[in-house]
Amino acid sequence: MTTTLSILSAVLMIVGAFFFFTASIGMLRFPDFYTRMHAAGKGDTLGAFLMLSGMALYNLHAGFTLVAFLVSVKIMLIAFFIFIANPTACHAITKAALDAGVAPWTMKEGKK
């Protein structure tokens, strides 16, 4: 049981790190503010949720005690808060940028 939880938590943390990595590539490759915020919002939200879920499972692998369970519940509450707050913050930032007049990227004539 402990090796199964260890493997599952490692997989969740590795997949979460992959989403963080792809979000950072999106931040570098995308052409304008809005698409960069989209990459950051999606990648960071899912990456943080997966990594924190892996940490909560890893906390339980040593033994299912009340203290370990409560710590895992707190970690999942933090993950839930990030899951709700990060997209809301990204939406508010992009709305403020749109209201401030930041123009979205458009494809130029002749470029594909």
C-alpha atoms as a PDB file:
ATOM      1  CA  MET A   1       0.000   0.000   0.000  1.00  0.00           C
ATOM      2  CA  THR A   2       2.762   2.432   0.852  1.00  0.00           C
ATOM      3  CA  THR A   3       4.614   1.835  -2.406  1.00  0.00           C
ATOM      4  CA  THR A   4       1.391   2.371  -4.356  1.00  0.00           C
ATOM      5  CA  LEU A   5       0.791   5.695  -2.613  1.00  0.00           C
ATOM      6  CA  SER A   6       4.423   6.683  -3.106  1.00  0.00           C
ATOM      7  CA  ILE A   7       4.291   5.902  -6.812  1.00  0.00           C
ATOM      8  CA  LEU A   8       0.950   7.662  -7.259  1.00  0.00           C
ATOM      9  CA  SER A   9       2.147  10.744  -5.384  1.00  0.00           C
ATOM     10  CA  ALA A  10       5.369  10.823  -7.421  1.00  0.00           C
ATOM     11  CA  VAL A  11       3.396  10.577 -10.664  1.00  0.00           C
ATOM     12  CA  LEU A  12       1.080  13.403  -9.585  1.00  0.00           C
ATOM     13  CA  MET A  13       4.017  15.631  -8.645  1.00  0.00           C
ATOM     14  CA  ILE A  14       5.869  14.883 -11.892  1.00  0.00           C
ATOM     15  CA  VAL A  15       2.775  15.610 -13.995  1.00  0.00           C
ATOM     16  CA  GLY A  16       2.229  18.822 -12.006  1.00  0.00           C
ATOM     17  CA  ALA A  17       5.823  19.870 -12.641  1.00  0.00           C
ATOM     18  CA  PHE A  18       5.273  19.123 -16.344  1.00  0.00           C
ATOM     19  CA  PHE A  19       2.308  21.507 -16.414  1.00  0.00           C
ATOM     20  CA  PHE A  20       4.392  24.200 -14.686  1.00  0.00           C
ATOM     21  CA  PHE A  21       7.130  23.657 -17.271  1.00  0.00           C
ATOM     22  CA  THR A  22       4.745  23.865 -20.226  1.00  0.00           C
ATOM     23  CA  ALA A  23       3.184  27.017 -18.765  1.00  0.00           C
ATOM     24  CA  SER A  24       6.617  28.619 -18.575  1.00  0.00           C
ATOM     25  CA  ILE A  25       7.263  27.687 -22.210  1.00  0.00           C
ATOM     26  CA  GLY A  26       3.912  29.236 -23.106  1.00  0.00           C
ATOM     27  CA  MET A  27       4.900  32.414 -21.289  1.00  0.00           C
ATOM     28  CA  LEU A  28       7.990  32.643 -23.475  1.00  0.00           C
ATOM     29  CA  ARG A  29       6.466  31.582 -26.801  1.00  0.00           C
ATOM     30  CA  PHE A  30       3.049  33.225 -26.963  1.00  0.00           C
ATOM     31  CA  PRO A  31       2.862  36.595 -28.724  1.00  0.00           C
ATOM     32  CA  ASP A  32       0.816  38.861 -26.452  1.00  0.00           C
ATOM     33  CA  PHE A  33      -0.304  39.495 -22.909  1.00  0.00           C
ATOM     34  CA  TYR A  34      -3.648  37.713 -23.175  1.00  0.00           C
ATOM     35  CA  THR A  35      -2.344  34.423 -24.530  1.00  0.00           C
ATOM     36  CA  ARG A  36       0.483  34.481 -22.005  1.00  0.00           C
ATOM     37  CA  MET A  37      -2.006  34.964 -19.180  1.00  0.00           C
ATOM     38  CA  HIS A  38      -4.017  32.056 -20.565  1.00  0.00           C
ATOM     39  CA  ALA A  39      -0.959  29.801 -20.479  1.00  0.00           C
ATOM     40  CA  ALA A  40      -0.017  30.957 -17.001  1.00  0.00           C
ATOM     41  CA  GLY A  41      -3.519  30.590 -15.609  1.00  0.00           C
ATOM     42  CA  LYS A  42      -4.202  27.130 -16.987  1.00  0.00           C
ATOM     43  CA  GLY A  43      -0.746  25.676 -16.361  1.00  0.00           C
ATOM     44  CA  ASP A  44      -0.271  27.081 -12.886  1.00  0.00           C
ATOM     45  CA  THR A  45      -3.729  26.080 -11.712  1.00  0.00           C
ATOM     46  CA  LEU A  46      -3.494  22.493 -12.858  1.00  0.00           C
ATOM     47  CA  GLY A  47       0.194  22.177 -11.941  1.00  0.00           C
ATOM     48  CA  ALA A  48      -0.352  23.436  -8.408  1.00  0.00           C
ATOM     49  CA  PHE A  49      -3.430  21.253  -7.925  1.00  0.00           C
ATOM     50  CA  LEU A  50      -1.618  18.112  -9.079  1.00  0.00           C
ATOM     51  CA  MET A  51       1.537  18.814  -7.081  1.00  0.00           C
ATOM     52  CA  LEU A  52      -0.376  19.565  -3.894  1.00  0.00           C
ATOM     53  CA  SER A  53      -2.505  16.450  -4.397  1.00  0.00           C
ATOM     54  CA  GLY A  54       0.677  14.424  -4.705  1.00  0.00           C
ATOM     55  CA  MET A  55       2.042  15.992  -1.532  1.00  0.00           C
ATOM     56  CA  ALA A  56      -1.168  15.203   0.341  1.00  0.00           C
ATOM     57  CA  LEU A  57      -0.971  11.561  -0.744  1.00  0.00           C
ATOM     58  CA  TYR A  58       2.721  11.357   0.093  1.00  0.00           C
ATOM     59  CA  ASN A  59       1.974  12.660   3.570  1.00  0.00           C
ATOM     60  CA  LEU A  60      -0.327   9.670   4.116  1.00  0.00           C
ATOM     61  CA  HIS A  61       2.084   6.980   2.904  1.00  0.00           C
ATOM     62  CA  ALA A  62       4.026   6.625   6.185  1.00  0.00           C
ATOM     63  CA  GLY A  63       0.939   5.779   8.184  1.00  0.00           C
ATOM     64  CA  PHE A  64      -2.672   6.776   8.354  1.00  0.00           C
ATOM     65  CA  THR A  65      -2.709   8.748  11.601  1.00  0.00           C
ATOM     66  CA  LEU A  66      -4.978  11.579  12.625  1.00  0.00           C
ATOM     67  CA  VAL A  67      -2.160  14.129  12.336  1.00  0.00           C
ATOM     68  CA  ALA A  68      -1.206  12.943   8.837  1.00  0.00           C
ATOM     69  CA  PHE A  69      -4.848  13.009   7.788  1.00  0.00           C
ATOM     70  CA  LEU A  70      -5.353  16.554   9.084  1.00  0.00           C
ATOM     71  CA  VAL A  71      -2.207  17.782   7.342  1.00  0.00           C
ATOM     72  CA  SER A  72      -3.405  16.192   4.095  1.00  0.00           C
ATOM     73  CA  VAL A  73      -6.809  17.830   4.494  1.00  0.00           C
ATOM     74  CA  LYS A  74      -5.118  21.209   4.975  1.00  0.00           C
ATOM     75  CA  ILE A  75      -3.002  20.659   1.864  1.00  0.00           C
ATOM     76  CA  MET A  76      -6.119  19.813  -0.148  1.00  0.00           C
ATOM     77  CA  LEU A  77      -7.887  22.915   1.183  1.00  0.00           C
ATOM     78  CA  ILE A  78      -4.948  24.999  -0.035  1.00  0.00           C
ATOM     79  CA  ALA A  79      -5.164  23.223  -3.412  1.00  0.00           C
ATOM     80  CA  PHE A  80      -8.897  23.950  -3.602  1.00  0.00           C
ATOM     81  CA  PHE A  81      -8.285  27.617  -2.786  1.00  0.00           C
ATOM     82  CA  ILE A  82      -5.662  27.863  -5.536  1.00  0.00           C
ATOM     83  CA  PHE A  83      -8.022  26.033  -7.909  1.00  0.00           C
ATOM     84  CA  ILE A  84     -10.654  28.741  -7.309  1.00  0.00           C
ATOM     85  CA  ALA A  85      -8.490  31.844  -6.807  1.00  0.00           C
ATOM     86  CA  ASN A  86      -5.982  31.496  -9.654  1.00  0.00           C
ATOM     87  CA  PRO A  87      -8.487  31.581 -12.554  1.00  0.00           C
ATOM     88  CA  THR A  88     -10.359  34.400 -10.842  1.00  0.00           C
ATOM     89  CA  ALA A  89      -7.168  36.433 -10.487  1.00  0.00           C
ATOM     90  CA  CYS A  90      -6.168  35.753 -14.104  1.00  0.00           C
ATOM     91  CA  HIS A  91      -9.591  36.886 -15.278  1.00  0.00           C
ATOM     92  CA  ALA A  92      -9.392  40.064 -13.195  1.00  0.00           C
ATOM     93  CA  ILE A  93      -5.907  40.877 -14.507  1.00  0.00           C
ATOM     94  CA  THR A  94      -6.889  40.336 -18.136  1.00  0.00           C
ATOM     95  CA  LYS A  95     -10.072  42.379 -17.665  1.00  0.00           C
ATOM     96  CA  ALA A  96      -8.002  45.211 -16.188  1.00  0.00           C
ATOM     97  CA  ALA A  97      -5.584  45.009 -19.125  1.00  0.00           C
ATOM     98  CA  LEU A  98      -8.469  45.130 -21.590  1.00  0.00           C
ATOM     99  CA  ASP A  99      -9.981  48.122 -19.777  1.00  0.00           C
ATOM    100  CA  ALA A 100      -6.568  49.841 -19.788  1.00  0.00           C
ATOM    101  CA  GLY A 101      -6.371  49.498 -23.552  1.00  0.00           C
ATOM    102  CA  VAL A 102      -3.840  46.716 -24.033  1.00  0.00           C
ATOM    103  CA  ALA A 103      -4.492  45.536 -27.566  1.00  0.00           C
ATOM    104  CA  PRO A 104      -4.737  41.826 -28.291  1.00  0.00           C
ATOM    105  CA  TRP A 105      -2.435  40.280 -30.868  1.00  0.00           C
ATOM    106  CA  THR A 106      -3.755  39.969 -34.400  1.00  0.00           C
ATOM    107  CA  MET A 107      -2.193  38.157 -37.328  1.00  0.00           C
ATOM    108  CA  LYS A 108      -0.468  40.567 -39.707  1.00  0.00           C
ATOM    109  CA  GLU A 109      -1.173  40.470 -43.419  1.00  0.00           C
ATOM    110  CA  GLY A 110       1.108  38.092 -45.292  1.00  0.00           C
ATOM    111  CA  LYS A 111       2.359  36.211 -42.210  1.00  0.00           C
ATOM    112  CA  LYS A 112       1.213  32.725 -41.408  1.00  0.00           C
END
